PDB file of N, CA and C in Angstrom:
ATOM      1  N   MET A   1      10.980 -48.416-111.697  1.00  0.00           N
ATOM      2  CA  MET A   1      11.809 -48.378-110.511  1.00  0.00           C
ATOM      3  C   MET A   1      11.018 -48.974-109.346  1.00  0.00           C
ATOM      4  N   ASN A   2      11.706 -49.697-108.486  1.00  0.00           N
ATOM      5  CA  ASN A   2      11.111 -50.269-107.290  1.00  0.00           C
ATOM      6  C   ASN A   2      10.505 -49.140-106.451  1.00  0.00           C
ATOM      7  N   GLU A   3       9.287 -49.336-105.972  1.00  0.00           N
ATOM      8  CA  GLU A   3       8.585 -48.305-105.205  1.00  0.00           C
ATOM      9  C   GLU A   3       9.365 -47.892-103.956  1.00  0.00           C
ATOM     10  N   ARG A   4       9.949 -48.851-103.265  1.00  0.00           N
ATOM     11  CA  ARG A   4      10.695 -48.544-102.042  1.00  0.00           C
ATOM     12  C   ARG A   4      11.932 -47.693-102.362  1.00  0.00           C
ATOM     13  N   ILE A   5      12.614 -48.021-103.448  1.00  0.00           N
ATOM     14  CA  ILE A   5      13.793 -47.239-103.849  1.00  0.00           C
ATOM     15  C   ILE A   5      13.366 -45.825-104.230  1.00  0.00           C
ATOM     16  N   ARG A   6      12.246 -45.705-104.907  1.00  0.00           N
ATOM     17  CA  ARG A   6      11.739 -44.381-105.276  1.00  0.00           C
ATOM     18  C   ARG A   6      11.459 -43.544-104.022  1.00  0.00           C
ATOM     19  N   LEU A   7      10.862 -44.162-103.002  1.00  0.00           N
ATOM     20  CA  LEU A   7      10.574 -43.447-101.765  1.00  0.00           C
ATOM     21  C   LEU A   7      11.865 -43.030-101.047  1.00  0.00           C
ATOM     22  N   LEU A   8      12.860 -43.905-101.055  1.00  0.00           N
ATOM     23  CA  LEU A   8      14.142 -43.559-100.438  1.00  0.00           C
ATOM     24  C   LEU A   8      14.806 -42.407-101.188  1.00  0.00           C
ATOM     25  N   ALA A   9      14.708 -42.431-102.513  1.00  0.00           N
ATOM     26  CA  ALA A   9      15.275 -41.342-103.317  1.00  0.00           C
ATOM     27  C   ALA A   9      14.577 -40.019-103.000  1.00  0.00           C
ATOM     28  N   GLU A  10      13.269 -40.060-102.795  1.00  0.00           N
ATOM     29  CA  GLU A  10      12.538 -38.852-102.425  1.00  0.00           C
ATOM     30  C   GLU A  10      13.010 -38.323-101.066  1.00  0.00           C
ATOM     31  N   GLN A  11      13.259 -39.238-100.130  1.00  0.00           N
ATOM     32  CA  GLN A  11      13.726 -38.831 -98.801  1.00  0.00           C
ATOM     33  C   GLN A  11      15.114 -38.184 -98.874  1.00  0.00           C
ATOM     34  N   ALA A  12      15.886 -38.571 -99.867  1.00  0.00           N
ATOM     35  CA  ALA A  12      17.246 -38.037-100.015  1.00  0.00           C
ATOM     36  C   ALA A  12      17.279 -36.781-100.888  1.00  0.00           C
ATOM     37  N   THR A  13      16.118 -36.306-101.295  1.00  0.00           N
ATOM     38  CA  THR A  13      16.036 -35.133-102.169  1.00  0.00           C
ATOM     39  C   THR A  13      15.370 -33.981-101.428  1.00  0.00           C
ATOM     40  N   SER A  14      15.981 -32.826-101.535  1.00  0.00           N
ATOM     41  CA  SER A  14      15.379 -31.625-100.937  1.00  0.00           C
ATOM     42  C   SER A  14      15.242 -30.558-102.018  1.00  0.00           C
ATOM     43  N   ILE A  15      14.279 -29.693-101.816  1.00  0.00           N
ATOM     44  CA  ILE A  15      14.064 -28.587-102.746  1.00  0.00           C
ATOM     45  C   ILE A  15      14.748 -27.347-102.170  1.00  0.00           C
ATOM     46  N   VAL A  16      15.611 -26.752-102.955  1.00  0.00           N
ATOM     47  CA  VAL A  16      16.355 -25.558-102.537  1.00  0.00           C
ATOM     48  C   VAL A  16      15.790 -24.370-103.297  1.00  0.00           C
ATOM     49  N   GLU A  17      15.406 -23.340-102.553  1.00  0.00           N
ATOM     50  CA  GLU A  17      14.895 -22.126-103.188  1.00  0.00           C
ATOM     51  C   GLU A  17      15.906 -21.010-103.011  1.00  0.00           C
ATOM     52  N   MET A  18      16.102 -20.263-104.082  1.00  0.00           N
ATOM     53  CA  MET A  18      17.054 -19.154-104.051  1.00  0.00           C
ATOM     54  C   MET A  18      16.355 -17.892-104.541  1.00  0.00           C
ATOM     55  N   VAL A  19      16.734 -16.777-103.941  1.00  0.00           N
ATOM     56  CA  VAL A  19      16.202 -15.489-104.368  1.00  0.00           C
ATOM     57  C   VAL A  19      17.399 -14.658-104.842  1.00  0.00           C
ATOM     58  N   SER A  20      17.322 -14.211-106.081  1.00  0.00           N
ATOM     59  CA  SER A  20      18.422 -13.410-106.637  1.00  0.00           C
ATOM     60  C   SER A  20      18.393 -11.993-106.063  1.00  0.00           C
ATOM     61  N   SER A  21      19.433 -11.274-106.303  1.00  0.00           N
ATOM     62  CA  SER A  21      19.494  -9.882-105.832  1.00  0.00           C
ATOM     63  C   SER A  21      18.426  -9.015-106.505  1.00  0.00           C
ATOM     64  N   TYR A  22      17.860  -9.517-107.617  1.00  0.00           N
ATOM     65  CA  TYR A  22      16.793  -8.795-108.316  1.00  0.00           C
ATOM     66  C   TYR A  22      15.408  -9.197-107.820  1.00  0.00           C
ATOM     67  N   GLY A  23      15.371 -10.149-106.862  1.00  0.00           N
ATOM     68  CA  GLY A  23      14.094 -10.576-106.303  1.00  0.00           C
ATOM     69  C   GLY A  23      13.453 -11.751-107.013  1.00  0.00           C
ATOM     70  N   PHE A  24      14.142 -12.320-108.006  1.00  0.00           N
ATOM     71  CA  PHE A  24      13.599 -13.488-108.699  1.00  0.00           C
ATOM     72  C   PHE A  24      13.845 -14.744-107.864  1.00  0.00           C
ATOM     73  N   THR A  25      12.842 -15.574-107.795  1.00  0.00           N
ATOM     74  CA  THR A  25      12.948 -16.818-107.039  1.00  0.00           C
ATOM     75  C   THR A  25      13.131 -17.985-107.992  1.00  0.00           C
ATOM     76  N   SER A  26      14.054 -18.845-107.670  1.00  0.00           N
ATOM     77  CA  SER A  26      14.217 -20.080-108.445  1.00  0.00           C
ATOM     78  C   SER A  26      14.406 -21.226-107.456  1.00  0.00           C
ATOM     79  N   SER A  27      14.102 -22.403-107.911  1.00  0.00           N
ATOM     80  CA  SER A  27      14.262 -23.566-107.042  1.00  0.00           C
ATOM     81  C   SER A  27      14.804 -24.741-107.852  1.00  0.00           C
ATOM     82  N   TYR A  28      15.464 -25.641-107.156  1.00  0.00           N
ATOM     83  CA  TYR A  28      15.971 -26.847-107.806  1.00  0.00           C
ATOM     84  C   TYR A  28      15.982 -27.980-106.790  1.00  0.00           C
ATOM     85  N   ALA A  29      15.983 -29.188-107.307  1.00  0.00           N
ATOM     86  CA  ALA A  29      16.025 -30.375-106.453  1.00  0.00           C
ATOM     87  C   ALA A  29      17.484 -30.721-106.180  1.00  0.00           C
ATOM     88  N   ASN A  30      17.807 -30.927-104.911  1.00  0.00           N
ATOM     89  CA  ASN A  30      19.156 -31.307-104.514  1.00  0.00           C
ATOM     90  C   ASN A  30      19.122 -32.758-104.035  1.00  0.00           C
ATOM     91  N   PHE A  31      19.759 -33.644-104.789  1.00  0.00           N
ATOM     92  CA  PHE A  31      19.786 -35.070-104.437  1.00  0.00           C
ATOM     93  C   PHE A  31      21.048 -35.358-103.644  1.00  0.00           C
ATOM     94  N   ASP A  32      20.876 -35.829-102.398  1.00  0.00           N
ATOM     95  CA  ASP A  32      21.993 -36.131-101.506  1.00  0.00           C
ATOM     96  C   ASP A  32      22.354 -37.606-101.662  1.00  0.00           C
ATOM     97  N   ARG A  33      23.415 -37.891-102.431  1.00  0.00           N
ATOM     98  CA  ARG A  33      23.813 -39.279-102.701  1.00  0.00           C
ATOM     99  C   ARG A  33      24.213 -40.015-101.436  1.00  0.00           C
ATOM    100  N   GLU A  34      24.910 -39.322-100.529  1.00  0.00           N
ATOM    101  CA  GLU A  34      25.329 -39.973 -99.287  1.00  0.00           C
ATOM    102  C   GLU A  34      24.130 -40.368 -98.436  1.00  0.00           C
ATOM    103  N   LYS A  35      23.156 -39.486 -98.335  1.00  0.00           N
ATOM    104  CA  LYS A  35      21.949 -39.803 -97.568  1.00  0.00           C
ATOM    105  C   LYS A  35      21.207 -40.970 -98.205  1.00  0.00           C
ATOM    106  N   PHE A  36      21.118 -40.977 -99.529  1.00  0.00           N
ATOM    107  CA  PHE A  36      20.450 -42.064-100.246  1.00  0.00           C
ATOM    108  C   PHE A  36      21.135 -43.401 -99.956  1.00  0.00           C
ATOM    109  N   ALA A  37      22.471 -43.413-100.024  1.00  0.00           N
ATOM    110  CA  ALA A  37      23.210 -44.638 -99.730  1.00  0.00           C
ATOM    111  C   ALA A  37      22.975 -45.081 -98.293  1.00  0.00           C
ATOM    112  N   GLU A  38      22.988 -44.129 -97.365  1.00  0.00           N
ATOM    113  CA  GLU A  38      22.757 -44.478 -95.961  1.00  0.00           C
ATOM    114  C   GLU A  38      21.357 -45.041 -95.759  1.00  0.00           C
ATOM    115  N   LEU A  39      20.372 -44.470 -96.415  1.00  0.00           N
ATOM    116  CA  LEU A  39      19.007 -44.977 -96.307  1.00  0.00           C
ATOM    117  C   LEU A  39      18.910 -46.410 -96.832  1.00  0.00           C
ATOM    118  N   ILE A  40      19.608 -46.711 -97.922  1.00  0.00           N
ATOM    119  CA  ILE A  40      19.599 -48.071 -98.463  1.00  0.00           C
ATOM    120  C   ILE A  40      20.251 -49.035 -97.479  1.00  0.00           C
ATOM    121  N   VAL A  41      21.393 -48.635 -96.900  1.00  0.00           N
ATOM    122  CA  VAL A  41      22.071 -49.508 -95.929  1.00  0.00           C
ATOM    123  C   VAL A  41      21.159 -49.739 -94.732  1.00  0.00           C
ATOM    124  N   ARG A  42      20.528 -48.694 -94.240  1.00  0.00           N
ATOM    125  CA  ARG A  42      19.611 -48.847 -93.103  1.00  0.00           C
ATOM    126  C   ARG A  42      18.465 -49.800 -93.442  1.00  0.00           C
ATOM    127  N   GLU A  43      17.958 -49.688 -94.650  1.00  0.00           N
ATOM    128  CA  GLU A  43      16.872 -50.567 -95.095  1.00  0.00           C
ATOM    129  C   GLU A  43      17.339 -52.030 -95.097  1.00  0.00           C
ATOM    130  N   CYS A  44      18.546 -52.264 -95.589  1.00  0.00           N
ATOM    131  CA  CYS A  44      19.096 -53.624 -95.604  1.00  0.00           C
ATOM    132  C   CYS A  44      19.263 -54.159 -94.185  1.00  0.00           C
ATOM    133  N   LEU A  45      19.764 -53.319 -93.289  1.00  0.00           N
ATOM    134  CA  LEU A  45      19.936 -53.730 -91.895  1.00  0.00           C
ATOM    135  C   LEU A  45      18.593 -54.075 -91.258  1.00  0.00           C
ATOM    136  N   GLU A  46      17.574 -53.297 -91.577  1.00  0.00           N
ATOM    137  CA  GLU A  46      16.240 -53.562 -91.039  1.00  0.00           C
ATOM    138  C   GLU A  46      15.713 -54.910 -91.541  1.00  0.00           C
ATOM    139  N   GLU A  47      15.950 -55.205 -92.817  1.00  0.00           N
ATOM    140  CA  GLU A  47      15.520 -56.489 -93.366  1.00  0.00           C
ATOM    141  C   GLU A  47      16.249 -57.648 -92.687  1.00  0.00           C
ATOM    142  N   LEU A  48      17.554 -57.470 -92.411  1.00  0.00           N
ATOM    143  CA  LEU A  48      18.303 -58.500 -91.687  1.00  0.00           C
ATOM    144  C   LEU A  48      17.707 -58.717 -90.308  1.00  0.00           C
ATOM    145  N   ARG A  49      17.350 -57.627 -89.634  1.00  0.00           N
ATOM    146  CA  ARG A  49      16.780 -57.731 -88.294  1.00  0.00           C
ATOM    147  C   ARG A  49      15.471 -58.508 -88.337  1.00  0.00           C
ATOM    148  N   TYR A  50      14.624 -58.216 -89.324  1.00  0.00           N
ATOM    149  CA  TYR A  50      13.357 -58.940 -89.454  1.00  0.00           C
ATOM    150  C   TYR A  50      13.592 -60.422 -89.737  1.00  0.00           C
ATOM    151  N   ALA A  51      14.604 -60.727 -90.532  1.00  0.00           N
ATOM    152  CA  ALA A  51      14.912 -62.131 -90.828  1.00  0.00           C
ATOM    153  C   ALA A  51      15.295 -62.875 -89.556  1.00  0.00           C
ATOM    154  N   VAL A  52      16.077 -62.246 -88.696  1.00  0.00           N
ATOM    155  CA  VAL A  52      16.482 -62.875 -87.437  1.00  0.00           C
ATOM    156  C   VAL A  52      15.279 -63.040 -86.520  1.00  0.00           C
ATOM    157  N   VAL A  53      14.436 -62.016 -86.415  1.00  0.00           N
ATOM    158  CA  VAL A  53      13.254 -62.096 -85.552  1.00  0.00           C
ATOM    159  C   VAL A  53      12.319 -63.186 -86.042  1.00  0.00           C
ATOM    160  N   ASP A  54      12.080 -63.257 -87.351  1.00  0.00           N
ATOM    161  CA  ASP A  54      11.219 -64.297 -87.905  1.00  0.00           C
ATOM    162  C   ASP A  54      11.752 -65.677 -87.562  1.00  0.00           C
ATOM    163  N   THR A  55      13.051 -65.869 -87.665  1.00  0.00           N
ATOM    164  CA  THR A  55      13.653 -67.160 -87.356  1.00  0.00           C
ATOM    165  C   THR A  55      13.470 -67.487 -85.886  1.00  0.00           C
ATOM    166  N   GLN A  56      13.664 -66.518 -85.029  1.00  0.00           N
ATOM    167  CA  GLN A  56      13.513 -66.760 -83.596  1.00  0.00           C
ATOM    168  C   GLN A  56      12.083 -67.122 -83.257  1.00  0.00           C
ATOM    169  N   GLU A  57      11.102 -66.457 -83.890  1.00  0.00           N
ATOM    170  CA  GLU A  57       9.702 -66.754 -83.617  1.00  0.00           C
ATOM    171  C   GLU A  57       9.324 -68.142 -84.125  1.00  0.00           C
ATOM    172  N   CYS A  58       9.844 -68.540 -85.268  1.00  0.00           N
ATOM    173  CA  CYS A  58       9.539 -69.848 -85.829  1.00  0.00           C
ATOM    174  C   CYS A  58      10.213 -70.960 -85.014  1.00  0.00           C
ATOM    175  N   ARG A  59      11.333 -70.638 -84.424  1.00  0.00           N
ATOM    176  CA  ARG A  59      12.141 -71.638 -83.736  1.00  0.00           C
ATOM    177  C   ARG A  59      11.473 -72.155 -82.475  1.00  0.00           C
ATOM    178  N   GLN A  60      10.866 -71.295 -81.696  1.00  0.00           N
ATOM    179  CA  GLN A  60      10.264 -71.608 -80.404  1.00  0.00           C
ATOM    180  C   GLN A  60      11.227 -72.447 -79.573  1.00  0.00           C
ATOM    181  N   ASP A  61      10.879 -73.681 -79.260  1.00  0.00           N
ATOM    182  CA  ASP A  61      11.732 -74.514 -78.403  1.00  0.00           C
ATOM    183  C   ASP A  61      12.549 -75.518 -79.206  1.00  0.00           C
ATOM    184  N   LYS A  62      12.627 -75.362 -80.527  1.00  0.00           N
ATOM    185  CA  LYS A  62      13.332 -76.322 -81.371  1.00  0.00           C
ATOM    186  C   LYS A  62      14.742 -75.837 -81.695  1.00  0.00           C
ATOM    187  N   SER A  63      15.426 -75.255 -80.715  1.00  0.00           N
ATOM    188  CA  SER A  63      16.752 -74.695 -80.954  1.00  0.00           C
ATOM    189  C   SER A  63      17.751 -75.777 -81.353  1.00  0.00           C
ATOM    190  N   THR A  64      18.521 -75.463 -82.384  1.00  0.00           N
ATOM    191  CA  THR A  64      19.607 -76.343 -82.792  1.00  0.00           C
ATOM    192  C   THR A  64      20.841 -75.487 -82.990  1.00  0.00           C
ATOM    193  N   ASP A  65      21.980 -76.099 -82.976  1.00  0.00           N
ATOM    194  CA  ASP A  65      23.228 -75.362 -83.179  1.00  0.00           C
ATOM    195  C   ASP A  65      23.220 -74.635 -84.522  1.00  0.00           C
ATOM    196  N   TYR A  66      22.623 -75.274 -85.548  1.00  0.00           N
ATOM    197  CA  TYR A  66      22.577 -74.662 -86.867  1.00  0.00           C
ATOM    198  C   TYR A  66      21.789 -73.348 -86.820  1.00  0.00           C
ATOM    199  N   GLN A  67      20.623 -73.381 -86.174  1.00  0.00           N
ATOM    200  CA  GLN A  67      19.780 -72.193 -86.120  1.00  0.00           C
ATOM    201  C   GLN A  67      20.453 -71.074 -85.329  1.00  0.00           C
ATOM    202  N   VAL A  68      21.060 -71.432 -84.217  1.00  0.00           N
ATOM    203  CA  VAL A  68      21.760 -70.431 -83.419  1.00  0.00           C
ATOM    204  C   VAL A  68      22.910 -69.851 -84.230  1.00  0.00           C
ATOM    205  N   GLY A  69      23.647 -70.687 -84.935  1.00  0.00           N
ATOM    206  CA  GLY A  69      24.746 -70.213 -85.776  1.00  0.00           C
ATOM    207  C   GLY A  69      24.259 -69.308 -86.881  1.00  0.00           C
ATOM    208  N   TRP A  70      23.120 -69.650 -87.475  1.00  0.00           N
ATOM    209  CA  TRP A  70      22.546 -68.824 -88.534  1.00  0.00           C
ATOM    210  C   TRP A  70      22.180 -67.445 -87.990  1.00  0.00           C
ATOM    211  N   GLU A  71      21.517 -67.411 -86.822  1.00  0.00           N
ATOM    212  CA  GLU A  71      21.126 -66.142 -86.217  1.00  0.00           C
ATOM    213  C   GLU A  71      22.359 -65.299 -85.890  1.00  0.00           C
ATOM    214  N   ASP A  72      23.373 -65.952 -85.327  1.00  0.00           N
ATOM    215  CA  ASP A  72      24.610 -65.231 -85.014  1.00  0.00           C
ATOM    216  C   ASP A  72      25.244 -64.679 -86.285  1.00  0.00           C
ATOM    217  N   GLY A  73      25.209 -65.464 -87.346  1.00  0.00           N
ATOM    218  CA  GLY A  73      25.762 -65.023 -88.628  1.00  0.00           C
ATOM    219  C   GLY A  73      25.013 -63.836 -89.193  1.00  0.00           C
ATOM    220  N   MET A  74      23.684 -63.841 -89.079  1.00  0.00           N
ATOM    221  CA  MET A  74      22.875 -62.719 -89.556  1.00  0.00           C
ATOM    222  C   MET A  74      23.200 -61.465 -88.747  1.00  0.00           C
ATOM    223  N   PHE A  75      23.319 -61.622 -87.437  1.00  0.00           N
ATOM    224  CA  PHE A  75      23.654 -60.480 -86.582  1.00  0.00           C
ATOM    225  C   PHE A  75      25.026 -59.929 -86.958  1.00  0.00           C
ATOM    226  N   ASP A  76      25.991 -60.842 -87.103  1.00  0.00           N
ATOM    227  CA  ASP A  76      27.351 -60.416 -87.462  1.00  0.00           C
ATOM    228  C   ASP A  76      27.371 -59.722 -88.822  1.00  0.00           C
ATOM    229  N   ALA A  77      26.583 -60.220 -89.771  1.00  0.00           N
ATOM    230  CA  ALA A  77      26.525 -59.605 -91.101  1.00  0.00           C
ATOM    231  C   ALA A  77      26.010 -58.173 -90.993  1.00  0.00           C
ATOM    232  N   GLY A  78      24.994 -57.967 -90.177  1.00  0.00           N
ATOM    233  CA  GLY A  78      24.465 -56.621 -89.976  1.00  0.00           C
ATOM    234  C   GLY A  78      25.490 -55.699 -89.348  1.00  0.00           C
ATOM    235  N   GLU A  79      26.201 -56.209 -88.343  1.00  0.00           N
ATOM    236  CA  GLU A  79      27.230 -55.400 -87.689  1.00  0.00           C
ATOM    237  C   GLU A  79      28.366 -55.066 -88.656  1.00  0.00           C
ATOM    238  N   MET A  80      28.734 -56.015 -89.509  1.00  0.00           N
ATOM    239  CA  MET A  80      29.788 -55.776 -90.490  1.00  0.00           C
ATOM    240  C   MET A  80      29.356 -54.719 -91.503  1.00  0.00           C
ATOM    241  N   MET A  81      28.074 -54.771 -91.930  1.00  0.00           N
ATOM    242  CA  MET A  81      27.568 -53.770 -92.873  1.00  0.00           C
ATOM    243  C   MET A  81      27.599 -52.390 -92.244  1.00  0.00           C
ATOM    244  N   LYS A  82      27.162 -52.288 -90.980  1.00  0.00           N
ATOM    245  CA  LYS A  82      27.184 -50.989 -90.308  1.00  0.00           C
ATOM    246  C   LYS A  82      28.603 -50.442 -90.234  1.00  0.00           C
ATOM    247  N   GLN A  83      29.533 -51.303 -89.860  1.00  0.00           N
ATOM    248  CA  GLN A  83      30.920 -50.875 -89.725  1.00  0.00           C
ATOM    249  C   GLN A  83      31.506 -50.489 -91.090  1.00  0.00           C
ATOM    250  N   HIS A  84      31.255 -51.315 -92.097  1.00  0.00           N
ATOM    251  CA  HIS A  84      31.797 -51.070 -93.418  1.00  0.00           C
ATOM    252  C   HIS A  84      31.318 -49.746 -94.005  1.00  0.00           C
ATOM    253  N   PHE A  85      30.020 -49.469 -93.833  1.00  0.00           N
ATOM    254  CA  PHE A  85      29.445 -48.264 -94.428  1.00  0.00           C
ATOM    255  C   PHE A  85      29.425 -47.082 -93.461  1.00  0.00           C
ATOM    256  N   GLY A  86      29.863 -47.307 -92.205  1.00  0.00           N
ATOM    257  CA  GLY A  86      29.902 -46.217 -91.228  1.00  0.00           C
ATOM    258  C   GLY A  86      28.541 -45.705 -90.848  1.00  0.00           C
ATOM    259  N   VAL A  87      27.574 -46.605 -90.764  1.00  0.00           N
ATOM    260  CA  VAL A  87      26.202 -46.223 -90.402  1.00  0.00           C
ATOM    261  C   VAL A  87      26.012 -46.485 -88.913  1.00  0.00           C
ATOM    262  N   GLU A  88      25.626 -45.444 -88.190  1.00  0.00           N
ATOM    263  CA  GLU A  88      25.370 -45.589 -86.758  1.00  0.00           C
ATOM    264  C   GLU A  88      23.964 -46.146 -86.544  1.00  0.00           C
ATOM    265  N   PRO A  89      23.773 -46.863 -85.444  1.00  0.00           N
ATOM    266  CA  PRO A  89      22.434 -47.438 -85.161  1.00  0.00           C
ATOM    267  C   PRO A  89      21.358 -46.395 -85.008  1.00  0.00           C
TER     268      PRO A  89
END
């Protein structure tokens, strides 16, 4: 499994401890699928943001309509993903 995905899965997992009426303690791992999905979407959005920043830094004063359009498209793609998955900034 990809190391980053494994770390996200760990973040979406919590340990739940229960004590019975007899005083016995038990615990289990609770995996939150919604949180895991949200973490993946956030990760994708972050990668999009880095792609736009990298392009802007490489561009310096060599702006062209194509590059500006690409950056706008990347921004719009991120906004569409947030809206589609209901992830707040």
